[in-house]
Protein backbone atom coordinates (compact mmCIF):
# COMPACT_ATOMS: atom_id res chain seq x y z
CA MET A 1 -3.89 -1.68 1.71
CA LYS A 2 -0.24 -2.04 2.37
CA ASN A 3 1.57 -4.22 0.94
CA LEU A 4 -0.04 -3.12 -1.83
CA PHE A 5 0.33 -2.88 -5.50
CA LEU A 6 0.04 -5.69 -8.28
CA LEU A 7 2.40 -4.51 -10.76
CA LEU A 8 0.79 -7.05 -13.69
CA LEU A 9 -1.50 -6.82 -16.37
CA LEU A 10 -3.76 -9.49 -18.19
CA LEU A 11 -3.61 -9.47 -22.05
CA PRO A 12 -5.36 -12.57 -23.98
CA VAL A 13 -2.68 -15.00 -24.76
CA GLY A 14 -0.30 -14.75 -28.17
CA CYS A 15 2.64 -15.68 -29.61
CA ALA A 16 5.86 -13.52 -29.62
CA PRO A 17 6.01 -10.27 -31.99
CA VAL A 18 8.78 -9.66 -34.27
CA ARG A 19 9.61 -5.79 -34.47
CA GLN A 20 7.70 -3.80 -37.29
CA SER A 21 8.71 -0.32 -39.11
CA SER A 22 7.08 2.59 -38.39
CA SER A 23 5.70 2.17 -41.62
CA GLU A 24 3.00 -0.33 -40.58
CA SER A 25 -0.75 0.59 -39.33
CA PRO A 26 -1.71 1.56 -36.26
CA LEU A 27 -3.50 -1.45 -36.26
CA ASN A 28 -1.18 -3.82 -37.19
CA ALA A 29 1.35 -2.20 -34.68
CA ASP A 30 -1.17 -2.79 -31.90
CA ALA A 31 -1.57 -6.21 -32.33
CA GLN A 32 2.03 -6.70 -32.54
CA PHE A 33 1.38 -5.56 -28.57
CA ALA A 34 -0.98 -7.04 -27.98
CA LYS A 35 0.85 -9.99 -28.41
CA ILE A 36 4.57 -9.68 -26.52
CA ALA A 37 1.90 -8.34 -23.79
CA ALA A 38 0.68 -11.28 -23.71
CA GLU A 39 3.28 -13.55 -23.55
CA TYR A 40 4.96 -11.53 -21.28
CA ILE A 41 1.94 -11.40 -18.42
CA SER A 42 1.37 -15.63 -19.24
CA GLY A 43 4.55 -15.95 -18.08
CA TYR A 44 5.04 -13.09 -15.18
CA LEU A 45 1.89 -14.98 -13.54
CA ALA A 46 2.83 -18.41 -13.82
CA TRP A 47 6.40 -16.87 -11.33
CA ARG A 48 4.49 -14.87 -9.24
CA PRO A 49 0.68 -17.50 -8.54
CA GLN A 50 -0.20 -15.06 -5.48
CA THR A 51 -0.59 -12.77 -6.44
CA GLY A 52 -3.00 -14.12 -9.53
CA THR A 53 -4.91 -15.73 -6.52
CA ALA A 54 -5.09 -12.58 -4.98
CA LEU A 55 -5.88 -10.82 -8.46
CA GLY A 56 -8.59 -12.89 -8.33
CA LEU A 57 -7.88 -15.64 -10.91
CA HIS A 58 -8.23 -19.05 -8.68
CA GLU A 59 -6.45 -21.16 -11.22
CA TYR A 60 -3.31 -19.63 -9.71
CA ASP A 61 -4.68 -21.43 -5.52
CA GLY A 62 -2.33 -23.35 -3.95
CA LYS A 63 0.48 -22.55 -6.44
CA LEU A 64 4.18 -21.07 -4.71
CA THR A 65 6.59 -18.83 -6.37
CA ASP A 66 9.72 -21.80 -7.48
CA TYR A 67 12.41 -19.75 -5.15
CA SER A 68 15.74 -22.15 -6.91
CA GLN A 69 18.94 -20.63 -8.12
CA ALA A 70 18.03 -21.81 -11.35
CA SER A 71 14.32 -20.93 -11.65
CA ILE A 72 15.14 -17.08 -10.88
CA ALA A 73 17.86 -16.92 -13.68
CA ALA A 74 14.93 -17.97 -15.85
CA GLU A 75 12.93 -15.83 -14.49
CA PHE A 76 15.53 -13.01 -14.85
CA ALA A 77 15.99 -13.70 -18.51
CA ARG A 78 12.42 -14.12 -19.33
CA LEU A 79 12.39 -9.81 -17.56
CA LYS A 80 15.45 -8.90 -19.86
CA SER A 81 14.32 -10.63 -23.30
CA PHE A 82 11.06 -8.83 -22.89
CA ASP A 83 12.79 -5.58 -21.97
CA ASP A 84 14.24 -5.39 -25.12
CA GLN A 85 11.63 -6.83 -27.43
CA PHE A 86 9.74 -3.90 -25.66
CA SER A 87 12.50 -1.63 -26.33
CA LYS A 88 13.03 -3.01 -30.10
CA LEU A 89 8.88 -2.44 -30.47
CA ASP A 90 8.27 0.68 -32.61
CA SER A 91 5.52 1.99 -30.38
CA LYS A 92 5.31 5.68 -32.66
CA ALA A 93 3.52 3.32 -34.22
CA LEU A 94 0.88 2.73 -32.05
CA SER A 95 -2.46 4.04 -31.64
CA PRO A 96 -3.02 6.80 -28.55
CA ALA A 97 -5.06 4.28 -26.64
CA SER A 98 -2.07 1.07 -26.89
CA SER A 99 0.46 3.95 -26.31
CA TYR A 100 -0.66 4.21 -23.00
CA ASP A 101 -0.60 0.83 -22.08
CA TYR A 102 2.73 0.10 -23.66
CA ARG A 103 3.98 3.06 -21.10
CA ILE A 104 2.67 1.50 -18.23
CA LEU A 105 4.03 -2.28 -19.22
CA HIS A 106 7.66 -1.88 -20.16
CA ALA A 107 7.57 0.41 -16.91
CA ALA A 108 6.66 -2.99 -14.77
CA ILE A 109 9.05 -4.20 -16.56
CA LYS A 110 11.86 -2.43 -15.59
CA HIS A 111 10.97 -1.95 -11.83
CA GLU A 112 10.97 -6.03 -12.66
CA ILE A 113 14.17 -5.81 -13.28
CA PHE A 114 15.62 -3.82 -11.17
CA SER A 115 13.85 -5.12 -8.16
CA PHE A 116 16.33 -8.77 -9.35
CA GLU A 117 19.48 -6.66 -10.13
CA GLN A 118 19.45 -3.75 -8.34
CA SER A 119 17.46 -4.29 -4.97
CA ARG A 120 18.45 -7.61 -5.46
CA ILE A 121 16.23 -9.17 -3.74
CA TYR A 122 16.65 -12.88 -3.93
CA SER A 123 20.20 -12.26 -2.54
CA GLU A 124 20.01 -9.84 -0.13
CA ASN A 125 16.78 -9.60 1.43
CA PRO A 126 15.94 -12.53 3.88
CA MET A 127 12.17 -10.76 4.24
CA THR A 128 11.36 -12.49 0.30
CA TYR A 129 11.48 -15.40 1.78
CA ALA A 130 10.57 -15.52 5.54
CA GLY A 131 6.86 -13.66 4.27
CA ALA A 132 6.54 -15.91 1.10
CA ILE A 133 4.21 -17.65 2.59
CA ASP A 134 1.37 -15.70 2.88
CA ILE A 135 -2.04 -17.33 2.76
CA ASN A 136 -4.37 -14.92 4.55
CA ILE A 137 -7.09 -15.21 1.20
CA TYR A 138 -7.64 -18.87 1.68
CA ILE A 139 -8.94 -18.09 5.08
CA LYS A 140 -10.31 -14.48 5.02
CA ARG A 141 -12.23 -15.00 1.45
CA ASP A 142 -15.09 -17.16 0.53
CA PHE A 143 -13.63 -17.74 -2.55
CA ALA A 144 -14.57 -21.57 -2.77
CA PRO A 145 -15.64 -24.10 -0.38
CA LEU A 146 -13.46 -24.73 2.57
CA GLU A 147 -12.33 -27.75 1.52
CA GLN A 148 -10.98 -26.50 -1.56
CA ARG A 149 -8.80 -23.78 0.14
CA VAL A 150 -7.70 -26.64 2.73
CA ARG A 151 -6.63 -28.12 -0.40
CA SER A 152 -4.74 -25.04 -1.67
CA LEU A 153 -3.53 -24.38 1.58
CA THR A 154 -2.11 -28.16 1.90
CA ALA A 155 -0.52 -27.84 -1.54
CA ILE A 156 1.40 -24.24 -0.70
CA LEU A 157 2.86 -25.18 3.00
CA ASN A 158 4.21 -28.43 2.03
CA GLN A 159 6.77 -26.44 -0.34
CA ALA A 160 7.57 -24.84 3.32
CA PRO A 161 10.85 -26.79 2.71
CA SER A 162 11.52 -25.99 -0.51
CA LEU A 163 11.19 -22.05 0.27
CA VAL A 164 13.66 -22.62 3.30
CA ALA A 165 16.35 -24.41 1.33
CA ALA A 166 15.92 -22.08 -2.00
CA ALA A 167 16.62 -18.62 1.21
CA ARG A 168 19.94 -20.91 2.56
CA ALA A 169 21.23 -21.52 -1.52
CA ASN A 170 20.63 -18.56 -2.13
CA LEU A 171 20.62 -15.44 -0.04
CA SER A 172 24.78 -13.75 0.78
CA GLU A 173 26.72 -14.29 3.42
CA SER A 174 26.71 -10.79 4.65
CA LEU A 175 22.79 -9.70 4.84
CA PRO A 176 21.97 -5.58 5.87
CA GLN A 177 21.02 -5.82 9.63
CA PRO A 178 17.26 -3.87 9.60
CA GLU A 179 16.33 -7.17 6.68
CA ILE A 180 17.62 -9.78 8.74
CA GLU A 181 15.58 -8.69 12.41
CA THR A 182 12.26 -7.97 10.44
CA ALA A 183 12.67 -11.05 8.76
CA ILE A 184 13.06 -13.11 12.14
CA ASP A 185 10.19 -11.40 13.15
CA GLU A 186 8.31 -12.31 10.11
CA ALA A 187 9.03 -15.64 10.15
CA ASN A 188 8.08 -16.01 13.80
CA GLY A 189 4.85 -14.29 12.75
CA ALA A 190 3.93 -16.69 10.92
CA VAL A 191 5.25 -19.22 12.88
CA ASP A 192 2.33 -17.99 15.09
CA PHE A 193 0.05 -17.05 12.34
CA LEU A 194 0.26 -21.06 11.28
CA SER A 195 0.33 -22.44 14.84
CA LYS A 196 -3.00 -20.55 16.12
CA ASP A 197 -5.01 -19.11 13.90
CA LEU A 198 -4.78 -21.13 10.83
CA VAL A 199 -5.93 -24.04 13.14
CA ALA A 200 -8.42 -21.99 14.42
CA ALA A 201 -9.78 -20.92 10.97
CA LEU A 202 -10.00 -24.73 9.82
CA LYS A 203 -11.35 -25.86 13.19
CA ASP A 204 -15.53 -26.94 11.83
CA VAL A 205 -13.64 -28.75 8.49
CA LYS A 206 -14.52 -32.48 9.16
CA ASP A 207 -13.14 -34.86 6.67
CA GLU A 208 -10.56 -36.35 8.99
CA LYS A 209 -8.10 -37.56 5.84
CA LEU A 210 -8.15 -34.34 4.50
CA MET A 211 -7.26 -32.50 7.68
CA ALA A 212 -4.82 -34.97 8.60
CA ASP A 213 -2.90 -33.80 5.27
CA PHE A 214 -3.44 -30.00 6.43
CA ASN A 215 -2.08 -31.48 9.49
CA SER A 216 1.05 -32.41 8.97
CA ALA A 217 1.88 -29.66 5.89
CA ASN A 218 1.47 -27.30 8.06
CA ASN A 219 3.63 -28.88 11.55
CA GLN A 220 6.74 -29.86 8.32
CA ALA A 221 5.79 -25.56 7.75
CA MET A 222 6.44 -24.30 11.15
CA THR A 223 9.00 -26.99 11.72
CA GLU A 224 11.40 -25.14 8.70
CA MET A 225 10.00 -21.64 9.62
CA ARG A 226 11.56 -21.40 13.06
CA ASN A 227 14.17 -23.25 11.28
CA LEU A 228 15.22 -20.09 9.03
CA ALA A 229 14.24 -17.90 12.34
CA ALA A 230 17.14 -19.62 14.01
CA TRP A 231 19.05 -19.55 11.13
CA LEU A 232 19.19 -16.21 10.52
CA LYS A 233 19.91 -15.04 14.38
CA GLU A 234 22.44 -17.49 14.66
CA GLN A 235 24.40 -17.61 11.43
CA LYS A 236 23.65 -14.26 9.61
CA LEU A 237 23.20 -11.68 12.10
CA PRO A 238 26.52 -11.88 14.04
CA LYS A 239 28.01 -11.58 10.13
CA ALA A 240 25.37 -8.31 9.47
CA ASN A 241 25.95 -4.92 7.79
CA GLN A 242 24.37 -1.97 7.25
CA ASN A 243 24.51 -1.99 3.79
CA TYR A 244 21.01 -1.41 3.02
CA ALA A 245 21.11 2.48 1.19
CA LEU A 246 20.19 2.01 -2.57
CA GLY A 247 22.66 4.93 -3.99
CA ARG A 248 21.26 7.95 -5.46
CA GLU A 249 21.59 6.81 -8.95
CA LYS A 250 20.13 3.26 -8.12
CA TYR A 251 17.02 5.52 -5.90
CA ARG A 252 16.88 7.83 -8.91
CA LYS A 253 16.38 4.72 -11.58
CA LEU A 254 13.56 3.28 -8.47
CA LEU A 255 11.88 6.76 -9.17
CA GLU A 256 12.13 6.65 -12.45
CA TYR A 257 10.55 2.94 -13.41
CA GLY A 258 8.31 2.86 -10.51
CA GLU A 259 6.24 6.29 -10.96
CA MET A 260 7.63 7.43 -14.28
CA VAL A 261 9.05 10.48 -12.09
CA THR A 262 12.83 11.79 -13.67
CA LEU A 263 13.44 14.71 -10.34
CA SER A 264 16.65 14.21 -8.55
CA PRO A 265 16.38 13.19 -5.40
CA GLU A 266 17.87 16.61 -4.17
CA GLU A 267 14.58 17.96 -6.43
CA ILE A 268 12.45 16.00 -3.72
CA LEU A 269 13.69 16.11 -0.85
CA GLU A 270 13.89 20.25 -1.48
CA ILE A 271 10.08 20.07 -1.84
CA GLY A 272 9.30 18.04 1.26
CA THR A 273 11.70 19.19 3.49
CA ARG A 274 9.95 22.66 2.97
CA GLU A 275 6.81 21.07 3.41
CA LEU A 276 7.32 19.18 6.17
CA ALA A 277 7.78 22.79 8.33
CA LYS A 278 4.27 24.01 6.19
CA LYS A 279 2.92 21.51 7.99
CA GLN A 280 4.48 21.52 11.35
CA GLN A 281 3.59 25.31 11.56
CA VAL A 282 0.07 24.30 10.45
CA PHE A 283 0.23 21.34 13.53
CA ALA A 284 1.80 23.91 16.18
CA ALA A 285 -1.37 27.04 15.01
CA ALA A 286 -3.70 24.24 15.67
CA ALA A 287 -2.84 23.18 18.75
CA LYS A 288 -2.15 26.88 20.03
CA VAL A 289 -6.11 27.30 18.79
CA ILE A 290 -7.56 24.22 21.22
CA ASP A 291 -4.94 25.07 24.17
CA PRO A 292 -2.46 28.31 23.97
CA ALA A 293 -0.74 27.30 27.34
CA LYS A 294 -0.08 23.86 26.08
CA SER A 295 2.65 22.80 23.36
CA PRO A 296 1.35 21.33 20.38
CA THR A 297 2.39 17.92 21.68
CA GLU A 298 0.55 18.43 24.82
CA VAL A 299 -2.50 19.46 23.39
CA PHE A 300 -2.90 16.52 20.55
CA LYS A 301 -2.02 13.45 23.56
CA GLU A 302 -4.78 15.53 24.99
CA ILE A 303 -7.58 15.58 21.84
CA GLN A 304 -6.70 11.66 21.85
CA LYS A 305 -8.31 10.69 25.37
CA ASP A 306 -11.36 11.89 23.73
CA HIS A 307 -12.34 7.92 22.61
CA PRO A 308 -15.02 5.33 21.99
CA THR A 309 -14.51 2.82 24.38
CA GLU A 310 -13.78 -0.73 24.19
CA GLN A 311 -17.73 -1.62 23.92
CA SER A 312 -18.89 0.99 21.72
CA LEU A 313 -15.06 1.31 18.97
CA ILE A 314 -17.00 -1.26 16.35
CA PRO A 315 -20.45 1.04 16.01
CA ASP A 316 -18.58 4.13 17.14
CA THR A 317 -16.68 3.55 13.94
CA ALA A 318 -19.40 2.38 11.85
CA LYS A 319 -21.30 4.87 12.33
CA ASP A 320 -18.85 7.40 11.96
CA LEU A 321 -18.14 5.37 8.74
CA GLU A 322 -21.74 6.99 7.03
CA MET A 323 -21.72 10.38 8.39
CA ILE A 324 -18.14 10.96 6.14
CA ARG A 325 -20.20 8.84 3.71
CA GLN A 326 -23.00 11.14 3.91
CA PHE A 327 -20.05 14.30 4.16
CA VAL A 328 -19.22 13.36 1.35
CA VAL A 329 -22.34 13.03 -0.87
CA SER A 330 -23.73 16.02 0.12
CA HIS A 331 -20.65 18.20 -0.83
CA ASN A 332 -20.33 16.33 -4.12
CA LEU A 333 -16.95 15.16 -3.61
CA VAL A 334 -16.79 12.57 -5.84
CA THR A 335 -19.02 10.26 -7.14
CA ILE A 336 -19.53 7.11 -5.06
CA PRO A 337 -20.53 4.37 -7.93
CA SER A 338 -22.33 1.77 -5.83
CA PRO A 339 -23.91 1.98 -2.49
CA VAL A 340 -22.63 -1.19 -1.08
CA ARG A 341 -20.90 -0.40 1.99
CA ALA A 342 -17.84 -2.08 3.75
CA LYS A 343 -18.73 -3.66 6.74
CA VAL A 344 -16.99 -2.52 9.48
CA THR A 345 -16.21 -5.45 11.73
CA GLU A 346 -13.08 -6.36 14.28
CA THR A 347 -10.16 -7.14 12.56
CA PRO A 348 -9.43 -11.20 12.05
CA GLN A 349 -7.23 -12.34 15.10
CA TYR A 350 -4.07 -13.13 12.77
CA LEU A 351 -4.01 -10.14 10.68
CA ARG A 352 -3.80 -7.56 14.40
CA ALA A 353 -0.28 -7.84 15.28
CA THR A 354 0.30 -5.96 11.77
CA SER A 355 -2.87 -3.97 11.74
CA PHE A 356 -4.13 -0.39 13.29
CA ALA A 357 -7.10 -0.45 10.85
CA SER A 358 -7.87 -1.08 7.24
CA MET A 359 -10.34 -1.46 4.13
CA ASP A 360 -9.69 -4.91 2.70
CA THR A 361 -11.59 -5.97 -0.77
CA PRO A 362 -11.20 -8.20 -3.03
CA GLY A 363 -8.99 -8.81 -6.75
CA PRO A 364 -10.50 -6.90 -9.25
CA PHE A 365 -11.68 -10.38 -11.02
CA GLU A 366 -13.38 -12.00 -7.76
CA THR A 367 -16.42 -13.80 -8.60
CA LYS A 368 -17.60 -14.97 -5.68
CA ALA A 369 -15.86 -12.97 -2.65
CA THR A 370 -16.28 -9.85 -3.39
CA GLU A 371 -17.22 -8.34 -0.37
CA ALA A 372 -15.29 -5.51 1.49
CA TYR A 373 -14.09 -4.98 5.55
CA TYR A 374 -13.24 -1.99 7.27
CA TYR A 375 -11.29 -4.07 9.25
CA VAL A 376 -10.86 -2.00 13.57
CA THR A 377 -8.11 -3.31 15.90
CA PRO A 378 -10.03 -3.18 19.13
CA PRO A 379 -7.98 -3.97 22.44
CA GLU A 380 -7.41 -7.68 23.66
CA PRO A 381 -9.43 -9.12 26.78
CA ASP A 382 -6.83 -9.76 28.60
CA TRP A 383 -4.80 -6.53 28.15
CA THR A 384 -4.56 -5.00 31.77
CA PRO A 385 -7.12 -1.20 31.77
CA LYS A 386 -3.90 0.93 31.88
CA GLN A 387 -3.07 -1.22 28.31
CA LYS A 388 -6.62 -1.01 26.76
CA GLU A 389 -6.97 2.54 27.81
CA GLU A 390 -3.60 3.40 25.68
CA TRP A 391 -4.62 1.64 22.84
CA LEU A 392 -7.79 3.25 22.72
CA THR A 393 -6.47 6.36 22.80
CA SER A 394 -5.13 5.73 19.04
CA PHE A 395 -8.76 5.52 18.12
CA ASN A 396 -9.48 8.93 19.28
CA TYR A 397 -12.46 10.31 17.67
CA TYR A 398 -10.28 12.97 15.70
CA THR A 399 -7.50 10.00 13.67
CA THR A 400 -9.75 7.52 13.81
CA ASP A 401 -12.12 10.17 11.87
CA ILE A 402 -9.15 10.90 9.33
CA VAL A 403 -7.68 7.36 9.37
CA THR A 404 -12.06 5.96 8.12
CA VAL A 405 -11.79 8.80 5.01
CA HIS A 406 -8.23 7.57 4.48
CA GLU A 407 -8.98 4.05 4.41
CA ALA A 408 -12.53 3.97 3.21
CA TYR A 409 -14.60 7.27 2.25
CA PRO A 410 -13.74 8.96 0.39
CA GLY A 411 -9.37 6.92 -0.88
CA HIS A 412 -9.70 3.03 -0.74
CA TYR A 413 -13.16 2.10 -1.00
CA VAL A 414 -14.31 4.67 -3.01
CA GLN A 415 -11.40 4.46 -5.58
CA PHE A 416 -11.93 0.86 -6.07
CA LEU A 417 -15.85 1.11 -6.67
CA ALA A 418 -14.55 3.67 -9.27
CA LEU A 419 -11.91 0.72 -10.39
CA ASN A 420 -14.82 -1.45 -11.08
CA ALA A 421 -17.39 1.41 -12.82
CA SER A 422 -14.76 2.97 -15.13
CA PRO A 423 -13.91 2.65 -18.54
CA ALA A 424 -10.69 1.15 -17.85
CA ASN A 425 -10.03 -1.34 -19.75
CA ARG A 426 -8.88 -4.85 -18.47
CA LEU A 427 -4.90 -4.06 -18.46
CA GLU A 428 -5.85 -0.43 -16.59
CA LYS A 429 -7.80 -2.32 -13.65
CA MET A 430 -4.83 -4.70 -13.21
CA PHE A 431 -2.16 -1.99 -12.91
CA SER A 432 -1.91 0.08 -9.56
CA SER A 433 1.10 2.03 -8.64
CA TYR A 434 2.10 2.31 -5.28
CA ALA A 435 1.86 7.01 -5.94
CA PHE A 436 -1.49 6.64 -7.12
CA VAL A 437 -3.47 4.29 -4.66
CA GLU A 438 -1.41 5.88 -1.37
CA GLY A 439 -1.03 9.09 -2.66
CA TRP A 440 -5.30 9.60 -3.64
CA ALA A 441 -5.88 8.03 0.01
CA HIS A 442 -3.58 10.47 1.74
CA TYR A 443 -4.80 13.52 -0.66
CA THR A 444 -8.01 12.45 0.57
CA GLU A 445 -7.62 13.23 4.03
CA GLN A 446 -6.42 17.15 3.60
CA MET A 447 -8.26 17.48 0.78
CA MET A 448 -11.95 16.33 2.99
CA VAL A 449 -10.71 18.59 6.06
CA ASP A 450 -10.08 22.19 3.71
CA GLU A 451 -13.29 21.21 2.53
CA GLY A 452 -14.59 21.89 5.90
CA PHE A 453 -14.90 18.77 7.43
CA GLY A 454 -14.82 18.88 11.04
CA LYS A 455 -15.90 21.98 11.31
CA THR A 456 -19.55 21.67 12.76
CA ASP A 457 -20.71 18.54 14.96
CA HIS A 458 -21.21 15.91 12.01
CA ALA A 459 -21.76 12.91 14.82
CA THR A 460 -23.34 13.39 18.28
CA ARG A 461 -20.55 12.43 21.00
CA ASN A 462 -19.99 11.96 24.71
CA THR A 463 -16.80 14.61 23.93
CA GLN A 464 -15.04 16.03 27.39
CA GLN A 465 -14.75 19.20 26.25
CA ALA A 466 -17.82 20.70 26.01
CA ALA A 467 -16.94 25.27 25.00
CA PRO A 468 -19.24 27.53 25.97
CA SER A 469 -20.69 29.06 22.38
CA VAL A 470 -21.11 27.03 19.18
CA SER A 471 -19.03 29.76 17.05
CA HIS A 472 -16.52 28.72 19.55
CA ASP A 473 -17.28 24.77 19.86
CA ASP A 474 -17.21 24.50 15.81
CA GLN A 475 -13.44 26.47 16.26
CA ILE A 476 -12.32 23.79 18.41
CA ARG A 477 -14.04 21.20 16.78
CA ALA A 478 -11.98 21.64 13.57
CA ALA A 479 -8.89 22.53 14.80
CA LYS A 480 -9.29 18.81 16.86
CA TYR A 481 -9.57 17.86 13.21
CA LEU A 482 -7.22 19.81 11.26
CA LEU A 483 -4.87 19.33 14.02
CA ALA A 484 -5.02 15.42 13.38
CA GLN A 485 -4.93 15.26 9.46
CA THR A 486 -2.18 17.09 9.34
CA ASP A 487 -0.27 14.92 12.46
CA GLU A 488 -0.88 11.96 9.77
CA ALA A 489 1.27 14.48 7.39
CA LEU A 490 3.59 15.03 9.28
CA LEU A 491 4.51 11.08 9.53
CA ARG A 492 4.73 10.25 5.55
CA LEU A 493 6.63 13.82 4.98
CA CYS A 494 9.57 12.02 7.50
CA ARG A 495 9.19 8.82 5.60
CA LEU A 496 10.05 11.19 2.46
CA CYS A 497 12.64 12.75 3.87
CA VAL A 498 13.87 9.89 5.47
CA SER A 499 13.56 7.73 2.76
CA ILE A 500 16.00 9.56 -0.26
CA LYS A 501 18.02 10.93 3.23
CA MET A 502 19.17 6.92 4.33
CA HIS A 503 19.70 5.81 0.56
CA CYS A 504 21.30 8.84 -0.47
CA GLN A 505 22.88 10.58 2.17
CA GLY A 506 23.75 7.84 4.50
CA MET A 507 21.42 8.79 6.94
CA THR A 508 21.49 6.27 10.05
CA VAL A 509 19.04 4.04 11.54
CA VAL A 510 19.62 5.65 14.83
CA GLU A 511 19.71 9.15 12.58
CA ALA A 512 16.08 8.24 10.81
CA THR A 513 14.47 7.50 14.23
CA LYS A 514 15.59 10.76 15.35
CA PHE A 515 14.07 12.44 12.75
CA PHE A 516 11.21 11.00 13.41
CA GLN A 517 10.96 11.86 16.80
CA ASP A 518 11.82 15.54 16.70
CA ASN A 519 9.91 16.74 13.50
CA CYS A 520 6.71 14.11 13.45
CA TYR A 521 6.39 13.93 17.44
CA TYR A 522 7.21 10.01 17.82
CA GLU A 523 8.20 7.75 20.62
CA GLU A 524 10.77 5.85 20.33
CA LYS A 525 9.38 2.65 19.56
CA SER A 526 7.19 4.22 17.00
CA ALA A 527 10.12 6.28 15.62
CA HIS A 528 12.66 3.06 15.47
CA GLN A 529 9.80 1.10 13.64
CA GLU A 530 9.33 3.99 11.05
CA ALA A 531 13.65 4.26 10.87
CA ILE A 532 13.87 0.01 10.11
CA ARG A 533 10.90 -0.05 7.59
CA GLY A 534 12.78 3.50 5.21
CA SER A 535 15.61 1.20 5.42
CA TYR A 536 14.14 -1.86 3.31
CA ASP A 537 10.75 0.54 1.44
CA PRO A 538 12.25 3.14 0.25
CA GLU A 539 9.32 3.31 -1.45
CA TYR A 540 7.08 5.10 1.49
CA LEU A 541 7.81 8.34 0.27
CA TYR A 542 4.74 7.61 -2.17
CA TYR A 543 2.65 8.37 0.40
CA THR A 544 3.68 12.33 0.38
CA LEU A 545 4.77 11.88 -3.66
CA GLY A 546 1.49 11.18 -4.89
CA LYS A 547 -0.49 13.66 -2.40
CA MET A 548 1.54 16.07 -4.10
CA GLU A 549 1.41 14.83 -7.33
CA ILE A 550 -2.45 14.54 -7.08
CA PHE A 551 -2.60 18.60 -5.58
CA LYS A 552 -0.39 19.97 -8.85
CA LEU A 553 -2.31 17.41 -11.20
CA ARG A 554 -5.84 19.34 -9.67
CA GLU A 555 -4.53 22.85 -9.62
CA ASP A 556 -3.45 22.72 -13.61
CA TYR A 557 -6.50 20.86 -14.11
CA ARG A 558 -7.99 24.25 -12.67
CA LYS A 559 -6.60 26.30 -15.07
CA GLN A 560 -7.30 24.23 -17.95
CA GLU A 561 -10.94 24.22 -17.17
CA GLY A 562 -11.87 27.62 -15.96
CA SER A 563 -15.46 28.13 -15.09
CA LYS A 564 -16.21 24.80 -16.12
CA PHE A 565 -13.90 23.14 -13.13
CA SER A 566 -15.41 21.17 -10.01
CA LEU A 567 -13.95 19.31 -7.20
CA GLN A 568 -16.20 16.05 -8.16
CA LYS A 569 -15.29 16.45 -11.76
CA PHE A 570 -11.74 17.21 -10.91
CA HIS A 571 -12.05 13.44 -8.65
CA ASP A 572 -14.64 11.13 -11.50
CA GLU A 573 -12.13 12.04 -14.04
CA PHE A 574 -8.86 11.07 -12.15
CA LEU A 575 -10.04 7.45 -10.96
CA ARG A 576 -11.90 6.78 -14.35
CA HIS A 577 -8.25 5.46 -15.78
CA GLY A 578 -7.13 2.80 -13.90
CA ALA A 579 -4.08 3.71 -11.23
CA PRO A 580 -1.67 4.53 -13.12
CA PRO A 581 1.74 6.07 -12.24
CA ILE A 582 0.33 9.96 -12.55
CA ARG A 583 2.89 11.06 -13.98
CA LEU A 584 1.49 9.30 -16.98
CA LEU A 585 -1.92 10.53 -16.21
CA ARG A 586 -1.29 13.65 -16.84
CA GLU A 587 -0.97 12.99 -19.93
CA LYS A 588 -5.07 12.21 -19.84
CA MET A 589 -5.90 14.43 -18.33
CA LEU A 590 -4.38 17.79 -19.97
CA LYS A 591 -4.08 19.29 -22.41
CA ASP A 592 -1.17 20.60 -23.22
CA PRO A 593 1.32 18.96 -23.63
CA LYS A 594 3.81 21.20 -21.80
CA GLU A 595 2.42 20.86 -18.85
CA TRP A 596 1.99 16.40 -19.13
CA GLY A 597 5.57 16.08 -17.31
CA ASN A 598 5.94 19.00 -14.78
CA VAL A 599 4.59 16.45 -11.72
CA LEU A 600 5.43 18.72 -8.89
């Protein structure tokens, strides 16, 4: 669920409002807000049609954003106009429900303006263009007959020349090196996808004229993306700079506009640094329980040997998925609104380059292709035995179960089910906060272990290490799960620290790489990849920030509810309001206004 979140909302179309006074009734103020919101969203989706398709709104199929300078300037002006209109709207006259939605939408508009004006994603980030032809949804979801989807694909591919021309016209003379290098990889990856996976997915289409049109458009698109990669390599890479950092003031605004967080970067870093040290101690203590004679990293590498075979990877994961679901149900941790299971299956070939394991759920308004898939990436058949073994160590039973918790039960999949079943309105079902979505999934990893997951043998497995007694066996097993879960937490904590250090304190990619190596014990290649991501995705701190916000909200909710508190009650209430910024959710769940702003 990377990539994550949809900054948009949808309301009935209406006309633009005029400013109203605070003496007007809440009904009139609410109607005023509905009109301005409707006009904003209508234009929002019109300029971002691929977002509309991802939501399940198929009137946007076959369309691609116009990235010409005139189009970008017009959209930026539109955003500024709506920001002005929202600023002039008398929000105090709104009903509580409309006020809640008003704040969500106004923050979303400011976040969009930030991406244009401060992040400069259209003039400074070539990844905007290299990754623009994102057409996976047309082959992974059967929301329309295949021939109809091929027509949509052809229409998008025919726009590749305009896309690449816009990149050449819009991008600045000198660009940040990490973004250039990543964009080159993305453009080459797009060519690989278009030439292999996309063609293979359409092999059963019999309409010769349709396929001739598609092949012509696809070949042209491949040429354009190759040319984009070559242009970036030859013309932009030699003139690259290292000016990827936002700077402290922009970073502070990013937190405020994105998640309504007003803590300073320094305050968040101090909290994250303390938590990192605590988790390193937990990691070391868990490793000592397993084998006190070895270092923590040696112990972790040893438990990675306990993994399924190439042939049993998918069935073992499916079996454990059901076991994990049953743990959630039997321990009354959260209400699972539907008995429909996510289907465990191999990751499609075209997604394997970037996906280890992932949850694929439909958009909130998809009515036809409503299946949910839990993708697991097996080793490739042509790999050597050594390569296969190395890959399967990442699927050791302990880490895989923690990943399944994150992706499915009670993480992303349960959140998806709860969202569909919730009383949240149409607007709230469309807006997703990065910190809410990834924070929830990351929070559930620790919550499950805290509640006893892994302390007993939930599933029969052929483990390599036997214990002399049941009690000792349980102790060792629990430590292995704790080690795996803490390893995931260390990575996300390092992301938080690196994000702030890179964008506010001048940390370089080389220094960030070493930080990941030293603090979450990653090998150099993986550590470098995480550091590169931090240069262009400062918001990846939200995995940890969201998790910490949820734990703080849970504790405040516990104090409020007293004897009436239960984890199930908290989780059910948490998931029934959509996926807003957690700062705003505090106002929904807590009665005392004094507690609303204390996110951490």
